[in-house]
Protein backbone atom coordinates (compact mmCIF):
# COMPACT_ATOMS: atom_id res chain seq x y z
CA MET A 1 226.12 5.39 -157.87
CA HIS A 2 225.95 2.58 -155.39
CA VAL A 3 222.14 2.10 -155.69
CA LYS A 4 219.70 1.50 -158.53
CA LYS A 5 216.00 1.68 -158.97
CA GLY A 6 214.33 -1.08 -157.07
CA ASP A 7 216.99 -1.57 -154.44
CA GLU A 8 216.04 -1.78 -150.78
CA VAL A 9 217.78 0.94 -148.85
CA ILE A 10 217.95 2.48 -145.37
CA VAL A 11 218.38 6.16 -144.70
CA ILE A 12 221.53 6.73 -142.59
CA ALA A 13 221.40 10.52 -142.23
CA GLY A 14 218.85 13.35 -142.16
CA ALA A 15 215.39 13.82 -140.69
CA ASP A 16 214.24 10.44 -141.88
CA LYS A 17 217.21 8.49 -140.47
CA GLY A 18 216.38 4.79 -139.88
CA LYS A 19 213.55 4.57 -142.37
CA ARG A 20 213.66 1.75 -144.95
CA GLY A 21 212.20 1.70 -148.41
CA ARG A 22 212.71 0.89 -152.11
CA VAL A 23 214.34 3.27 -154.58
CA LEU A 24 211.61 4.56 -156.91
CA ALA A 25 213.96 6.63 -159.17
CA ALA A 26 217.67 7.35 -159.40
CA PHE A 27 219.22 10.52 -160.87
CA PRO A 28 222.93 9.80 -161.33
CA LYS A 29 223.92 13.25 -162.71
CA GLU A 30 222.32 14.97 -159.67
CA GLU A 31 223.47 12.15 -157.33
CA LYS A 32 219.93 11.92 -155.89
CA VAL A 33 217.39 9.18 -155.32
CA ILE A 34 213.76 9.05 -154.50
CA VAL A 35 212.93 6.47 -151.77
CA GLU A 36 209.40 5.18 -151.12
CA GLY A 37 207.97 6.75 -147.95
CA VAL A 38 211.04 8.91 -147.25
CA ARG A 39 210.97 12.72 -147.30
CA VAL A 40 207.30 13.05 -148.08
CA VAL A 41 206.43 16.65 -149.00
CA THR A 42 203.14 18.40 -149.60
CA HIS A 43 202.70 19.80 -153.14
CA PHE A 44 199.85 22.12 -154.15
CA VAL A 45 198.13 21.23 -157.39
CA ARG A 46 195.91 23.76 -159.16
CA LYS A 47 192.57 22.66 -160.63
CA SER A 48 192.86 21.52 -164.19
CA ALA A 49 191.55 18.93 -166.55
CA GLN A 50 194.00 16.30 -165.17
CA HIS A 51 193.34 17.23 -161.59
CA PRO A 52 189.73 18.48 -161.30
CA GLY A 53 189.79 18.65 -157.51
CA GLY A 54 193.13 20.33 -157.19
CA GLY A 55 194.37 20.74 -153.65
CA LEU A 56 197.27 19.28 -151.69
CA VAL A 57 199.11 16.20 -152.83
CA LYS A 58 201.78 14.27 -150.86
CA LYS A 59 204.71 12.81 -152.74
CA GLU A 60 208.35 11.79 -152.14
CA ALA A 61 211.12 14.27 -152.80
CA PRO A 62 214.70 13.38 -153.77
CA ILE A 63 217.44 12.89 -151.18
CA HIS A 64 221.21 12.79 -151.80
CA VAL A 65 222.60 9.36 -152.53
CA SER A 66 225.19 9.58 -149.71
CA ASN A 67 222.33 9.51 -147.17
CA VAL A 68 221.18 6.03 -148.10
CA MET A 69 222.77 2.62 -147.73
CA LEU A 70 221.87 -0.74 -149.31
CA VAL A 71 220.09 -3.35 -147.17
CA SER A 72 220.97 -7.01 -147.66
CA GLU A 73 217.72 -8.85 -148.51
CA TYR A 74 219.32 -12.08 -147.29
CA GLU A 75 220.59 -10.94 -143.90
CA ALA A 76 218.31 -7.98 -143.18
CA ARG A 77 221.30 -5.79 -142.35
CA ARG A 78 223.21 -3.03 -144.00
CA ALA A 79 225.46 -3.89 -146.87
CA ARG A 80 228.33 -2.32 -148.75
CA ARG A 81 229.07 -2.58 -152.45
CA ALA A 82 232.23 -4.65 -153.04
CA ALA A 83 234.37 -5.00 -156.13
CA ARG A 84 235.41 -8.56 -157.09
CA THR A 85 238.22 -9.99 -159.15
CA GLN A 86 237.78 -9.68 -162.89
CA GLN A 87 234.22 -8.24 -162.57
CA THR A 88 232.21 -5.94 -160.47
CA ALA A 89 229.16 -7.46 -158.93
CA ARG A 90 226.80 -5.68 -156.47
CA THR A 91 227.45 -7.88 -153.43
CA ASN A 92 227.49 -7.54 -149.72
CA LYS A 93 230.98 -7.21 -148.28
CA GLY A 94 230.24 -9.27 -145.19
CA PHE A 95 228.58 -12.18 -146.98
CA PRO A 96 229.29 -13.19 -150.60
CA SER A 97 225.74 -13.15 -151.84
CA LEU A 98 224.49 -11.18 -154.88
CA LEU A 99 222.17 -8.37 -153.95
CA ASP A 100 221.00 -7.46 -157.46
CA ASN A 101 222.39 -7.62 -160.97
CA ASN A 102 220.82 -7.46 -164.38
CA GLN A 103 222.54 -10.63 -165.64
CA PRO A 104 222.78 -13.82 -163.65
CA LEU A 105 226.07 -14.60 -161.93
CA SER A 106 227.10 -17.62 -159.90
CA ILE A 107 229.47 -17.28 -156.96
CA LEU A 108 231.85 -20.12 -156.10
CA TYR A 109 233.57 -19.87 -152.76
CA ASP A 110 235.06 -22.06 -150.09
CA PRO A 111 233.03 -21.42 -146.80
CA ALA A 112 236.04 -22.41 -144.68
CA SER A 113 238.23 -19.75 -146.22
CA ILE A 114 235.94 -16.88 -147.02
CA PHE A 115 237.89 -14.27 -145.04
CA THR A 116 241.58 -13.80 -145.88
CA ALA A 117 243.46 -10.90 -144.30
CA GLY A 118 240.17 -9.03 -143.67
CA ARG A 119 239.02 -9.39 -147.32
CA VAL A 120 236.25 -11.51 -148.73
CA VAL A 121 237.61 -13.97 -151.27
CA CYS A 122 235.28 -15.44 -153.86
CA PHE A 123 235.23 -16.02 -157.57
CA ILE A 124 232.40 -14.92 -159.89
CA SER A 125 231.66 -16.77 -163.12
CA ARG A 126 228.97 -16.55 -165.74
CA PRO A 127 226.76 -19.70 -165.91
């Protein structure tokens, strides 16, 4: 999946198209994600010890992962996941900046020759 828990995404299809939010949970086997403030449904809860009042509760429902796209935190625009030489890092195709990764990576690139034949050229190395 191209998104993880905690990523900033924008909905690109469906009734909530254009809404932005953070991924609260990801389900890779089902290819679904739960996005904060997107596809809010009303759920009835019966009276119980945990919910003494019962009643209607609003919560987010999962949507298909193909309906969301990463948003670059640095540029405030849509981003695509790009594969790099020797390693795969979650980066923005248009601008070689890391979006999110569990381990720190450093990007070395020449600003004058970022684009070569329509591809982003940069080298990723561990510090």
